Amino acid sequence: MNFSKITKNFLSVLVVKRRIFFINKIFLNFLSLASRQRGELKASLISSKNLTSDELEGLNKELSQTMGTSIAFDYKVDEDLIGGLKMQIGSLMIDTSIKNKLKKYEQTMLET
């Protein structure tokens, strides 16, 4: 493979120090730092149904304006949510799913 000298040296140090099993974590942290340096935020979006590209684009545009930075979505569909969506942007968690609301009602009923 055609790696730069710095990359080869870095990988060699990981092998010699028996830390090569950390390579995946190192790579993910590097991508996170590079994304942060570019002013991007990573967001996780889980919806109960498949969203169209127009819906995703509109949501991304609105959130980007609200947050003041560009947002990169990791989008998944989870039909167990029944309805609504779950979103996590950094430490901010937004859960509007029906599954979560039913769970809250269940807890309230059990407490009384």
PDB file of N, CA and C in Angstrom:
ATOM      1  N   MET A   1       0.829  -1.180   0.000  1.00  0.00           N
ATOM      2  CA  MET A   1       0.000   0.000   0.000  1.00  0.00           C
ATOM      3  C   MET A   1       0.877   1.247   0.000  1.00  0.00           C
ATOM      4  N   ASN A   2       0.375   2.285  -0.588  1.00  0.00           N
ATOM      5  CA  ASN A   2       1.136   3.531  -0.695  1.00  0.00           C
ATOM      6  C   ASN A   2       0.763   4.492   0.430  1.00  0.00           C
ATOM      7  N   PHE A   3       1.323   4.260   1.606  1.00  0.00           N
ATOM      8  CA  PHE A   3       1.125   5.157   2.734  1.00  0.00           C
ATOM      9  C   PHE A   3       2.273   6.152   2.777  1.00  0.00           C
ATOM     10  N   SER A   4       1.999   7.306   3.356  1.00  0.00           N
ATOM     11  CA  SER A   4       3.070   8.281   3.552  1.00  0.00           C
ATOM     12  C   SER A   4       4.020   7.755   4.635  1.00  0.00           C
ATOM     13  N   LYS A   5       5.178   8.350   4.701  1.00  0.00           N
ATOM     14  CA  LYS A   5       6.183   7.923   5.672  1.00  0.00           C
ATOM     15  C   LYS A   5       5.661   8.110   7.101  1.00  0.00           C
ATOM     16  N   ILE A   6       4.983   9.198   7.346  1.00  0.00           N
ATOM     17  CA  ILE A   6       4.438   9.470   8.687  1.00  0.00           C
ATOM     18  C   ILE A   6       3.418   8.403   9.073  1.00  0.00           C
ATOM     19  N   THR A   7       2.549   8.036   8.132  1.00  0.00           N
ATOM     20  CA  THR A   7       1.539   7.018   8.408  1.00  0.00           C
ATOM     21  C   THR A   7       2.189   5.668   8.686  1.00  0.00           C
ATOM     22  N   LYS A   8       3.192   5.308   7.899  1.00  0.00           N
ATOM     23  CA  LYS A   8       3.909   4.052   8.125  1.00  0.00           C
ATOM     24  C   LYS A   8       4.569   4.036   9.497  1.00  0.00           C
ATOM     25  N   ASN A   9       5.209   5.148   9.871  1.00  0.00           N
ATOM     26  CA  ASN A   9       5.845   5.236  11.189  1.00  0.00           C
ATOM     27  C   ASN A   9       4.816   5.127  12.311  1.00  0.00           C
ATOM     28  N   PHE A  10       3.683   5.793  12.130  1.00  0.00           N
ATOM     29  CA  PHE A  10       2.624   5.745  13.141  1.00  0.00           C
ATOM     30  C   PHE A  10       2.118   4.319  13.322  1.00  0.00           C
ATOM     31  N   LEU A  11       1.842   3.629  12.209  1.00  0.00           N
ATOM     32  CA  LEU A  11       1.372   2.251  12.289  1.00  0.00           C
ATOM     33  C   LEU A  11       2.432   1.335  12.898  1.00  0.00           C
ATOM     34  N   SER A  12       3.693   1.593  12.584  1.00  0.00           N
ATOM     35  CA  SER A  12       4.786   0.803  13.163  1.00  0.00           C
ATOM     36  C   SER A  12       4.844   0.965  14.677  1.00  0.00           C
ATOM     37  N   VAL A  13       4.666   2.187  15.145  1.00  0.00           N
ATOM     38  CA  VAL A  13       4.668   2.431  16.595  1.00  0.00           C
ATOM     39  C   VAL A  13       3.502   1.686  17.248  1.00  0.00           C
ATOM     40  N   LEU A  14       2.338   1.707  16.608  1.00  0.00           N
ATOM     41  CA  LEU A  14       1.190   0.977  17.158  1.00  0.00           C
ATOM     42  C   LEU A  14       1.472  -0.523  17.248  1.00  0.00           C
ATOM     43  N   VAL A  15       2.128  -1.063  16.245  1.00  0.00           N
ATOM     44  CA  VAL A  15       2.443  -2.494  16.241  1.00  0.00           C
ATOM     45  C   VAL A  15       3.478  -2.808  17.308  1.00  0.00           C
ATOM     46  N   VAL A  16       4.559  -2.023  17.372  1.00  0.00           N
ATOM     47  CA  VAL A  16       5.634  -2.266  18.342  1.00  0.00           C
ATOM     48  C   VAL A  16       5.115  -2.142  19.773  1.00  0.00           C
ATOM     49  N   LYS A  17       4.265  -1.153  20.013  1.00  0.00           N
ATOM     50  CA  LYS A  17       3.737  -0.938  21.365  1.00  0.00           C
ATOM     51  C   LYS A  17       2.504  -1.805  21.662  1.00  0.00           C
ATOM     52  N   ARG A  18       2.168  -2.676  20.709  1.00  0.00           N
ATOM     53  CA  ARG A  18       1.026  -3.594  20.836  1.00  0.00           C
ATOM     54  C   ARG A  18      -0.278  -2.839  21.098  1.00  0.00           C
ATOM     55  N   ARG A  19      -0.491  -1.800  20.304  1.00  0.00           N
ATOM     56  CA  ARG A  19      -1.702  -0.993  20.420  1.00  0.00           C
ATOM     57  C   ARG A  19      -2.492  -0.961  19.102  1.00  0.00           C
ATOM     58  N   ILE A  20      -2.149  -1.861  18.184  1.00  0.00           N
ATOM     59  CA  ILE A  20      -2.782  -1.846  16.866  1.00  0.00           C
ATOM     60  C   ILE A  20      -4.289  -2.093  16.968  1.00  0.00           C
ATOM     61  N   PHE A  21      -4.738  -2.763  18.032  1.00  0.00           N
ATOM     62  CA  PHE A  21      -6.170  -3.010  18.194  1.00  0.00           C
ATOM     63  C   PHE A  21      -6.945  -1.715  18.454  1.00  0.00           C
ATOM     64  N   PHE A  22      -6.242  -0.609  18.742  1.00  0.00           N
ATOM     65  CA  PHE A  22      -6.893   0.691  18.931  1.00  0.00           C
ATOM     66  C   PHE A  22      -7.085   1.448  17.614  1.00  0.00           C
ATOM     67  N   ILE A  23      -6.652   0.880  16.497  1.00  0.00           N
ATOM     68  CA  ILE A  23      -6.641   1.614  15.234  1.00  0.00           C
ATOM     69  C   ILE A  23      -8.034   2.094  14.833  1.00  0.00           C
ATOM     70  N   ASN A  24      -9.062   1.300  15.055  1.00  0.00           N
ATOM     71  CA  ASN A  24     -10.423   1.711  14.703  1.00  0.00           C
ATOM     72  C   ASN A  24     -10.857   2.911  15.540  1.00  0.00           C
ATOM     73  N   LYS A  25     -10.589   2.865  16.824  1.00  0.00           N
ATOM     74  CA  LYS A  25     -10.952   3.974  17.723  1.00  0.00           C
ATOM     75  C   LYS A  25     -10.167   5.238  17.364  1.00  0.00           C
ATOM     76  N   ILE A  26      -8.893   5.078  17.056  1.00  0.00           N
ATOM     77  CA  ILE A  26      -8.053   6.213  16.656  1.00  0.00           C
ATOM     78  C   ILE A  26      -8.604   6.842  15.386  1.00  0.00           C
ATOM     79  N   PHE A  27      -8.966   6.010  14.419  1.00  0.00           N
ATOM     80  CA  PHE A  27      -9.500   6.497  13.150  1.00  0.00           C
ATOM     81  C   PHE A  27     -10.812   7.254  13.354  1.00  0.00           C
ATOM     82  N   LEU A  28     -11.714   6.701  14.169  1.00  0.00           N
ATOM     83  CA  LEU A  28     -12.999   7.375  14.430  1.00  0.00           C
ATOM     84  C   LEU A  28     -12.806   8.705  15.150  1.00  0.00           C
ATOM     85  N   ASN A  29     -11.882   8.744  16.107  1.00  0.00           N
ATOM     86  CA  ASN A  29     -11.597  10.000  16.815  1.00  0.00           C
ATOM     87  C   ASN A  29     -10.977  11.032  15.883  1.00  0.00           C
ATOM     88  N   PHE A  30     -10.118  10.578  14.969  1.00  0.00           N
ATOM     89  CA  PHE A  30      -9.527  11.486  13.992  1.00  0.00           C
ATOM     90  C   PHE A  30     -10.610  12.094  13.103  1.00  0.00           C
ATOM     91  N   LEU A  31     -11.531  11.266  12.632  1.00  0.00           N
ATOM     92  CA  LEU A  31     -12.630  11.775  11.794  1.00  0.00           C
ATOM     93  C   LEU A  31     -13.486  12.773  12.561  1.00  0.00           C
ATOM     94  N   SER A  32     -13.712  12.501  13.824  1.00  0.00           N
ATOM     95  CA  SER A  32     -14.494  13.412  14.668  1.00  0.00           C
ATOM     96  C   SER A  32     -13.780  14.750  14.829  1.00  0.00           C
ATOM     97  N   LEU A  33     -12.476  14.716  15.083  1.00  0.00           N
ATOM     98  CA  LEU A  33     -11.703  15.951  15.224  1.00  0.00           C
ATOM     99  C   LEU A  33     -11.665  16.744  13.915  1.00  0.00           C
ATOM    100  N   ALA A  34     -11.494  16.041  12.799  1.00  0.00           N
ATOM    101  CA  ALA A  34     -11.467  16.716  11.491  1.00  0.00           C
ATOM    102  C   ALA A  34     -12.816  17.356  11.191  1.00  0.00           C
ATOM    103  N   SER A  35     -13.885  16.660  11.527  1.00  0.00           N
ATOM    104  CA  SER A  35     -15.235  17.189  11.318  1.00  0.00           C
ATOM    105  C   SER A  35     -15.455  18.431  12.180  1.00  0.00           C
ATOM    106  N   ARG A  36     -15.012  18.375  13.429  1.00  0.00           N
ATOM    107  CA  ARG A  36     -15.145  19.518  14.339  1.00  0.00           C
ATOM    108  C   ARG A  36     -14.322  20.703  13.837  1.00  0.00           C
ATOM    109  N   GLN A  37     -13.134  20.427  13.302  1.00  0.00           N
ATOM    110  CA  GLN A  37     -12.271  21.481  12.770  1.00  0.00           C
ATOM    111  C   GLN A  37     -12.927  22.189  11.585  1.00  0.00           C
ATOM    112  N   ARG A  38     -13.672  21.432  10.766  1.00  0.00           N
ATOM    113  CA  ARG A  38     -14.388  22.012   9.626  1.00  0.00           C
ATOM    114  C   ARG A  38     -15.660  22.728  10.054  1.00  0.00           C
ATOM    115  N   GLY A  39     -16.020  22.627  11.334  1.00  0.00           N
ATOM    116  CA  GLY A  39     -17.228  23.282  11.828  1.00  0.00           C
ATOM    117  C   GLY A  39     -18.479  22.452  11.632  1.00  0.00           C
ATOM    118  N   GLU A  40     -18.315  21.158  11.433  1.00  0.00           N
ATOM    119  CA  GLU A  40     -19.448  20.249  11.250  1.00  0.00           C
ATOM    120  C   GLU A  40     -19.834  19.621  12.570  1.00  0.00           C
ATOM    121  N   LEU A  41     -21.115  19.361  12.720  1.00  0.00           N
ATOM    122  CA  LEU A  41     -21.605  18.609  13.859  1.00  0.00           C
ATOM    123  C   LEU A  41     -22.115  17.268  13.360  1.00  0.00           C
ATOM    124  N   LYS A  42     -21.847  16.214  14.100  1.00  0.00           N
ATOM    125  CA  LYS A  42     -22.384  14.898  13.781  1.00  0.00           C
ATOM    126  C   LYS A  42     -23.709  14.751  14.508  1.00  0.00           C
ATOM    127  N   ALA A  43     -24.700  14.241  13.812  1.00  0.00           N
ATOM    128  CA  ALA A  43     -26.006  14.032  14.414  1.00  0.00           C
ATOM    129  C   ALA A  43     -26.513  12.651  14.050  1.00  0.00           C
ATOM    130  N   SER A  44     -27.185  12.032  14.996  1.00  0.00           N
ATOM    131  CA  SER A  44     -27.805  10.746  14.762  1.00  0.00           C
ATOM    132  C   SER A  44     -29.307  10.976  14.646  1.00  0.00           C
ATOM    133  N   LEU A  45     -29.916  10.494  13.573  1.00  0.00           N
ATOM    134  CA  LEU A  45     -31.350  10.659  13.344  1.00  0.00           C
ATOM    135  C   LEU A  45     -31.961   9.293  13.106  1.00  0.00           C
ATOM    136  N   ILE A  46     -32.942   8.950  13.938  1.00  0.00           N
ATOM    137  CA  ILE A  46     -33.657   7.682  13.802  1.00  0.00           C
ATOM    138  C   ILE A  46     -35.127   8.017  13.679  1.00  0.00           C
ATOM    139  N   SER A  47     -35.753   7.554  12.597  1.00  0.00           N
ATOM    140  CA  SER A  47     -37.174   7.834  12.391  1.00  0.00           C
ATOM    141  C   SER A  47     -37.949   6.530  12.319  1.00  0.00           C
ATOM    142  N   SER A  48     -39.259   6.636  12.492  1.00  0.00           N
ATOM    143  CA  SER A  48     -40.114   5.458  12.479  1.00  0.00           C
ATOM    144  C   SER A  48     -40.458   5.024  11.061  1.00  0.00           C
ATOM    145  N   LYS A  49     -40.290   5.909  10.102  1.00  0.00           N
ATOM    146  CA  LYS A  49     -40.563   5.575   8.698  1.00  0.00           C
ATOM    147  C   LYS A  49     -39.451   6.135   7.831  1.00  0.00           C
ATOM    148  N   ASN A  50     -39.386   5.682   6.617  1.00  0.00           N
ATOM    149  CA  ASN A  50     -38.363   6.131   5.691  1.00  0.00           C
ATOM    150  C   ASN A  50     -38.669   7.563   5.249  1.00  0.00           C
ATOM    151  N   LEU A  51     -37.759   8.502   5.505  1.00  0.00           N
ATOM    152  CA  LEU A  51     -37.947   9.894   5.114  1.00  0.00           C
ATOM    153  C   LEU A  51     -37.426  10.112   3.698  1.00  0.00           C
ATOM    154  N   THR A  52     -38.092  10.981   2.959  1.00  0.00           N
ATOM    155  CA  THR A  52     -37.642  11.300   1.606  1.00  0.00           C
ATOM    156  C   THR A  52     -36.400  12.185   1.683  1.00  0.00           C
ATOM    157  N   SER A  53     -35.695  12.281   0.588  1.00  0.00           N
ATOM    158  CA  SER A  53     -34.492  13.119   0.554  1.00  0.00           C
ATOM    159  C   SER A  53     -34.860  14.589   0.764  1.00  0.00           C
ATOM    160  N   ASP A  54     -36.043  15.011   0.287  1.00  0.00           N
ATOM    161  CA  ASP A  54     -36.490  16.391   0.506  1.00  0.00           C
ATOM    162  C   ASP A  54     -36.742  16.663   1.991  1.00  0.00           C
ATOM    163  N   GLU A  55     -37.350  15.700   2.681  1.00  0.00           N
ATOM    164  CA  GLU A  55     -37.603  15.859   4.115  1.00  0.00           C
ATOM    165  C   GLU A  55     -36.283  15.933   4.882  1.00  0.00           C
ATOM    166  N   LEU A  56     -35.347  15.057   4.539  1.00  0.00           N
ATOM    167  CA  LEU A  56     -34.039  15.065   5.205  1.00  0.00           C
ATOM    168  C   LEU A  56     -33.292  16.363   4.939  1.00  0.00           C
ATOM    169  N   GLU A  57     -33.343  16.821   3.700  1.00  0.00           N
ATOM    170  CA  GLU A  57     -32.659  18.061   3.338  1.00  0.00           C
ATOM    171  C   GLU A  57     -33.270  19.259   4.070  1.00  0.00           C
ATOM    172  N   GLY A  58     -34.609  19.304   4.152  1.00  0.00           N
ATOM    173  CA  GLY A  58     -35.281  20.391   4.862  1.00  0.00           C
ATOM    174  C   GLY A  58     -34.947  20.385   6.344  1.00  0.00           C
ATOM    175  N   LEU A  59     -34.939  19.197   6.933  1.00  0.00           N
ATOM    176  CA  LEU A  59     -34.586  19.059   8.348  1.00  0.00           C
ATOM    177  C   LEU A  59     -33.148  19.487   8.589  1.00  0.00           C
ATOM    178  N   ASN A  60     -32.260  19.064   7.710  1.00  0.00           N
ATOM    179  CA  ASN A  60     -30.849  19.430   7.823  1.00  0.00           C
ATOM    180  C   ASN A  60     -30.668  20.939   7.693  1.00  0.00           C
ATOM    181  N   LYS A  61     -31.339  21.539   6.730  1.00  0.00           N
ATOM    182  CA  LYS A  61     -31.221  22.987   6.510  1.00  0.00           C
ATOM    183  C   LYS A  61     -31.716  23.768   7.724  1.00  0.00           C
ATOM    184  N   GLU A  62     -32.874  23.365   8.257  1.00  0.00           N
ATOM    185  CA  GLU A  62     -33.452  24.072   9.404  1.00  0.00           C
ATOM    186  C   GLU A  62     -32.575  23.927  10.647  1.00  0.00           C
ATOM    187  N   LEU A  63     -32.081  22.728  10.891  1.00  0.00           N
ATOM    188  CA  LEU A  63     -31.220  22.510  12.056  1.00  0.00           C
ATOM    189  C   LEU A  63     -29.876  23.210  11.907  1.00  0.00           C
ATOM    190  N   SER A  64     -29.337  23.227  10.700  1.00  0.00           N
ATOM    191  CA  SER A  64     -28.076  23.914  10.465  1.00  0.00           C
ATOM    192  C   SER A  64     -28.202  25.407  10.756  1.00  0.00           C
ATOM    193  N   GLN A  65     -29.331  26.006  10.364  1.00  0.00           N
ATOM    194  CA  GLN A  65     -29.561  27.416  10.649  1.00  0.00           C
ATOM    195  C   GLN A  65     -29.722  27.647  12.147  1.00  0.00           C
ATOM    196  N   THR A  66     -30.444  26.761  12.808  1.00  0.00           N
ATOM    197  CA  THR A  66     -30.664  26.899  14.255  1.00  0.00           C
ATOM    198  C   THR A  66     -29.367  26.753  15.037  1.00  0.00           C
ATOM    199  N   MET A  67     -28.549  25.749  14.659  1.00  0.00           N
ATOM    200  CA  MET A  67     -27.313  25.475  15.386  1.00  0.00           C
ATOM    201  C   MET A  67     -26.168  26.390  14.951  1.00  0.00           C
ATOM    202  N   GLY A  68     -26.297  27.007  13.791  1.00  0.00           N
ATOM    203  CA  GLY A  68     -25.253  27.910  13.312  1.00  0.00           C
ATOM    204  C   GLY A  68     -24.050  27.212  12.716  1.00  0.00           C
ATOM    205  N   THR A  69     -24.187  25.950  12.364  1.00  0.00           N
ATOM    206  CA  THR A  69     -23.100  25.187  11.759  1.00  0.00           C
ATOM    207  C   THR A  69     -23.695  24.078  10.908  1.00  0.00           C
ATOM    208  N   SER A  70     -22.900  23.520  10.006  1.00  0.00           N
ATOM    209  CA  SER A  70     -23.417  22.439   9.168  1.00  0.00           C
ATOM    210  C   SER A  70     -23.506  21.153   9.986  1.00  0.00           C
ATOM    211  N   ILE A  71     -24.483  20.329   9.642  1.00  0.00           N
ATOM    212  CA  ILE A  71     -24.742  19.093  10.376  1.00  0.00           C
ATOM    213  C   ILE A  71     -24.681  17.917   9.416  1.00  0.00           C
ATOM    214  N   ALA A  72     -23.979  16.865   9.814  1.00  0.00           N
ATOM    215  CA  ALA A  72     -23.898  15.633   9.033  1.00  0.00           C
ATOM    216  C   ALA A  72     -24.721  14.570   9.756  1.00  0.00           C
ATOM    217  N   PHE A  73     -25.772  14.065   9.106  1.00  0.00           N
ATOM    218  CA  PHE A  73     -26.670  13.083   9.710  1.00  0.00           C
ATOM    219  C   PHE A  73     -26.188  11.660   9.498  1.00  0.00           C
ATOM    220  N   ASP A  74     -26.334  10.856  10.543  1.00  0.00           N
ATOM    221  CA  ASP A  74     -26.244   9.407  10.450  1.00  0.00           C
ATOM    222  C   ASP A  74     -27.690   8.941  10.575  1.00  0.00           C
ATOM    223  N   TYR A  75     -28.316   8.592   9.447  1.00  0.00           N
ATOM    224  CA  TYR A  75     -29.751   8.352   9.392  1.00  0.00           C
ATOM    225  C   TYR A  75     -30.071   6.857   9.401  1.00  0.00           C
ATOM    226  N   LYS A  76     -31.034   6.477  10.242  1.00  0.00           N
ATOM    227  CA  LYS A  76     -31.497   5.092  10.325  1.00  0.00           C
ATOM    228  C   LYS A  76     -33.008   5.075  10.473  1.00  0.00           C
ATOM    229  N   VAL A  77     -33.623   3.971  10.111  1.00  0.00           N
ATOM    230  CA  VAL A  77     -35.056   3.771  10.283  1.00  0.00           C
ATOM    231  C   VAL A  77     -35.250   2.672  11.321  1.00  0.00           C
ATOM    232  N   ASP A  78     -36.109   2.945  12.322  1.00  0.00           N
ATOM    233  CA  ASP A  78     -36.443   1.976  13.356  1.00  0.00           C
ATOM    234  C   ASP A  78     -37.960   1.954  13.503  1.00  0.00           C
ATOM    235  N   GLU A  79     -38.584   0.935  12.944  1.00  0.00           N
ATOM    236  CA  GLU A  79     -40.048   0.856  12.957  1.00  0.00           C
ATOM    237  C   GLU A  79     -40.602   0.582  14.353  1.00  0.00           C
ATOM    238  N   ASP A  80     -39.757   0.183  15.298  1.00  0.00           N
ATOM    239  CA  ASP A  80     -40.198  -0.039  16.681  1.00  0.00           C
ATOM    240  C   ASP A  80     -40.595   1.257  17.374  1.00  0.00           C
ATOM    241  N   LEU A  81     -40.227   2.406  16.812  1.00  0.00           N
ATOM    242  CA  LEU A  81     -40.570   3.693  17.429  1.00  0.00           C
ATOM    243  C   LEU A  81     -42.065   3.999  17.299  1.00  0.00           C
ATOM    244  N   ILE A  82     -42.771   3.280  16.467  1.00  0.00           N
ATOM    245  CA  ILE A  82     -44.201   3.420  16.189  1.00  0.00           C
ATOM    246  C   ILE A  82     -44.486   4.694  15.403  1.00  0.00           C
ATOM    247  N   GLY A  83     -43.977   5.808  15.829  1.00  0.00           N
ATOM    248  CA  GLY A  83     -44.155   7.090  15.156  1.00  0.00           C
ATOM    249  C   GLY A  83     -43.171   8.093  15.728  1.00  0.00           C
ATOM    250  N   GLY A  84     -42.903   9.170  15.003  1.00  0.00           N
ATOM    251  CA  GLY A  84     -41.993  10.209  15.484  1.00  0.00           C
ATOM    252  C   GLY A  84     -40.552   9.912  15.128  1.00  0.00           C
ATOM    253  N   LEU A  85     -39.649  10.588  15.842  1.00  0.00           N
ATOM    254  CA  LEU A  85     -38.228  10.401  15.575  1.00  0.00           C
ATOM    255  C   LEU A  85     -37.404  10.668  16.818  1.00  0.00           C
ATOM    256  N   LYS A  86     -36.152  10.199  16.752  1.00  0.00           N
ATOM    257  CA  LYS A  86     -35.164  10.452  17.807  1.00  0.00           C
ATOM    258  C   LYS A  86     -33.958  11.087  17.136  1.00  0.00           C
ATOM    259  N   MET A  87     -33.417  12.116  17.786  1.00  0.00           N
ATOM    260  CA  MET A  87     -32.257  12.794  17.223  1.00  0.00           C
ATOM    261  C   MET A  87     -31.286  13.126  18.342  1.00  0.00           C
ATOM    262  N   GLN A  88     -30.006  12.917  18.063  1.00  0.00           N
ATOM    263  CA  GLN A  88     -28.974  13.299  19.017  1.00  0.00           C
ATOM    264  C   GLN A  88     -27.933  14.124  18.287  1.00  0.00           C
ATOM    265  N   ILE A  89     -27.742  15.348  18.761  1.00  0.00           N
ATOM    266  CA  ILE A  89     -26.736  16.250  18.218  1.00  0.00           C
ATOM    267  C   ILE A  89     -25.804  16.582  19.368  1.00  0.00           C
ATOM    268  N   GLY A  90     -24.618  16.006  19.341  1.00  0.00           N
ATOM    269  CA  GLY A  90     -23.702  16.199  20.462  1.00  0.00           C
ATOM    270  C   GLY A  90     -24.313  15.630  21.724  1.00  0.00           C
ATOM    271  N   SER A  91     -24.466  16.447  22.753  1.00  0.00           N
ATOM    272  CA  SER A  91     -25.070  15.986  24.000  1.00  0.00           C
ATOM    273  C   SER A  91     -26.564  16.277  24.063  1.00  0.00           C
ATOM    274  N   LEU A  92     -27.114  16.909  23.040  1.00  0.00           N
ATOM    275  CA  LEU A  92     -28.540  17.221  22.986  1.00  0.00           C
ATOM    276  C   LEU A  92     -29.310  16.047  22.405  1.00  0.00           C
ATOM    277  N   MET A  93     -30.310  15.538  23.178  1.00  0.00           N
ATOM    278  CA  MET A  93     -31.122  14.419  22.729  1.00  0.00           C
ATOM    279  C   MET A  93     -32.565  14.870  22.615  1.00  0.00           C
ATOM    280  N   ILE A  94     -33.163  14.648  21.449  1.00  0.00           N
ATOM    281  CA  ILE A  94     -34.562  14.982  21.205  1.00  0.00           C
ATOM    282  C   ILE A  94     -35.270  13.684  20.853  1.00  0.00           C
ATOM    283  N   ASP A  95     -36.271  13.319  21.648  1.00  0.00           N
ATOM    284  CA  ASP A  95     -37.009  12.076  21.415  1.00  0.00           C
ATOM    285  C   ASP A  95     -38.496  12.389  21.348  1.00  0.00           C
ATOM    286  N   THR A  96     -39.049  12.380  20.143  1.00  0.00           N
ATOM    287  CA  THR A  96     -40.476  12.652  19.955  1.00  0.00           C
ATOM    288  C   THR A  96     -41.213  11.386  19.542  1.00  0.00           C
ATOM    289  N   SER A  97     -40.630  10.237  19.813  1.00  0.00           N
ATOM    290  CA  SER A  97     -41.228   8.973  19.387  1.00  0.00           C
ATOM    291  C   SER A  97     -42.411   8.605  20.275  1.00  0.00           C
ATOM    292  N   ILE A  98     -43.369   7.923  19.681  1.00  0.00           N
ATOM    293  CA  ILE A  98     -44.538   7.463  20.416  1.00  0.00           C
ATOM    294  C   ILE A  98     -44.126   6.395  21.423  1.00  0.00           C
ATOM    295  N   LYS A  99     -43.141   5.596  21.067  1.00  0.00           N
ATOM    296  CA  LYS A  99     -42.641   4.568  21.979  1.00  0.00           C
ATOM    297  C   LYS A  99     -42.157   5.193  23.285  1.00  0.00           C
ATOM    298  N   ASN A 100     -41.427   6.304  23.205  1.00  0.00           N
ATOM    299  CA  ASN A 100     -40.931   6.994  24.395  1.00  0.00           C
ATOM    300  C   ASN A 100     -42.085   7.573  25.217  1.00  0.00           C
ATOM    301  N   LYS A 101     -43.083   8.156  24.541  1.00  0.00           N
ATOM    302  CA  LYS A 101     -44.236   8.725  25.255  1.00  0.00           C
ATOM    303  C   LYS A 101     -45.014   7.638  25.984  1.00  0.00           C
ATOM    304  N   LEU A 102     -45.209   6.491  25.337  1.00  0.00           N
ATOM    305  CA  LEU A 102     -45.903   5.381  25.987  1.00  0.00           C
ATOM    306  C   LEU A 102     -45.122   4.880  27.201  1.00  0.00           C
ATOM    307  N   LYS A 103     -43.808   4.864  27.079  1.00  0.00           N
ATOM    308  CA  LYS A 103     -42.961   4.432  28.192  1.00  0.00           C
ATOM    309  C   LYS A 103     -43.102   5.387  29.380  1.00  0.00           C
ATOM    310  N   LYS A 104     -43.160   6.698  29.096  1.00  0.00           N
ATOM    311  CA  LYS A 104     -43.332   7.690  30.169  1.00  0.00           C
ATOM    312  C   LYS A 104     -44.688   7.529  30.848  1.00  0.00           C
ATOM    313  N   TYR A 105     -45.732   7.289  30.052  1.00  0.00           N
ATOM    314  CA  TYR A 105     -47.066   7.062  30.624  1.00  0.00           C
ATOM    315  C   TYR A 105     -47.080   5.815  31.493  1.00  0.00           C
ATOM    316  N   GLU A 106     -46.402   4.783  31.050  1.00  0.00           N
ATOM    317  CA  GLU A 106     -46.326   3.535  31.820  1.00  0.00           C
ATOM    318  C   GLU A 106     -45.643   3.778  33.165  1.00  0.00           C
ATOM    319  N   GLN A 107     -44.539   4.537  33.164  1.00  0.00           N
ATOM    320  CA  GLN A 107     -43.837   4.832  34.404  1.00  0.00           C
ATOM    321  C   GLN A 107     -44.709   5.646  35.346  1.00  0.00           C
ATOM    322  N   THR A 108     -45.441   6.605  34.796  1.00  0.00           N
ATOM    323  CA  THR A 108     -46.319   7.435  35.607  1.00  0.00           C
ATOM    324  C   THR A 108     -47.410   6.587  36.246  1.00  0.00           C
ATOM    325  N   MET A 109     -47.970   5.669  35.488  1.00  0.00           N
ATOM    326  CA  MET A 109     -49.027   4.803  36.016  1.00  0.00           C
ATOM    327  C   MET A 109     -48.496   3.858  37.087  1.00  0.00           C
ATOM    328  N   LEU A 110     -47.273   3.378  36.942  1.00  0.00           N
ATOM    329  CA  LEU A 110     -46.690   2.483  37.916  1.00  0.00           C
ATOM    330  C   LEU A 110     -46.341   3.199  39.213  1.00  0.00           C
ATOM    331  N   GLU A 111     -46.007   4.492  39.120  1.00  0.00           N
ATOM    332  CA  GLU A 111     -45.624   5.257  40.307  1.00  0.00           C
ATOM    333  C   GLU A 111     -46.824   5.635  41.166  1.00  0.00           C
ATOM    334  N   THR A 112     -48.002   5.689  40.585  1.00  0.00           N
ATOM    335  CA  THR A 112     -49.180   6.094  41.372  1.00  0.00           C
ATOM    336  C   THR A 112     -49.914   4.938  41.952  1.00  0.00           C
TER     337      THR A 112
END
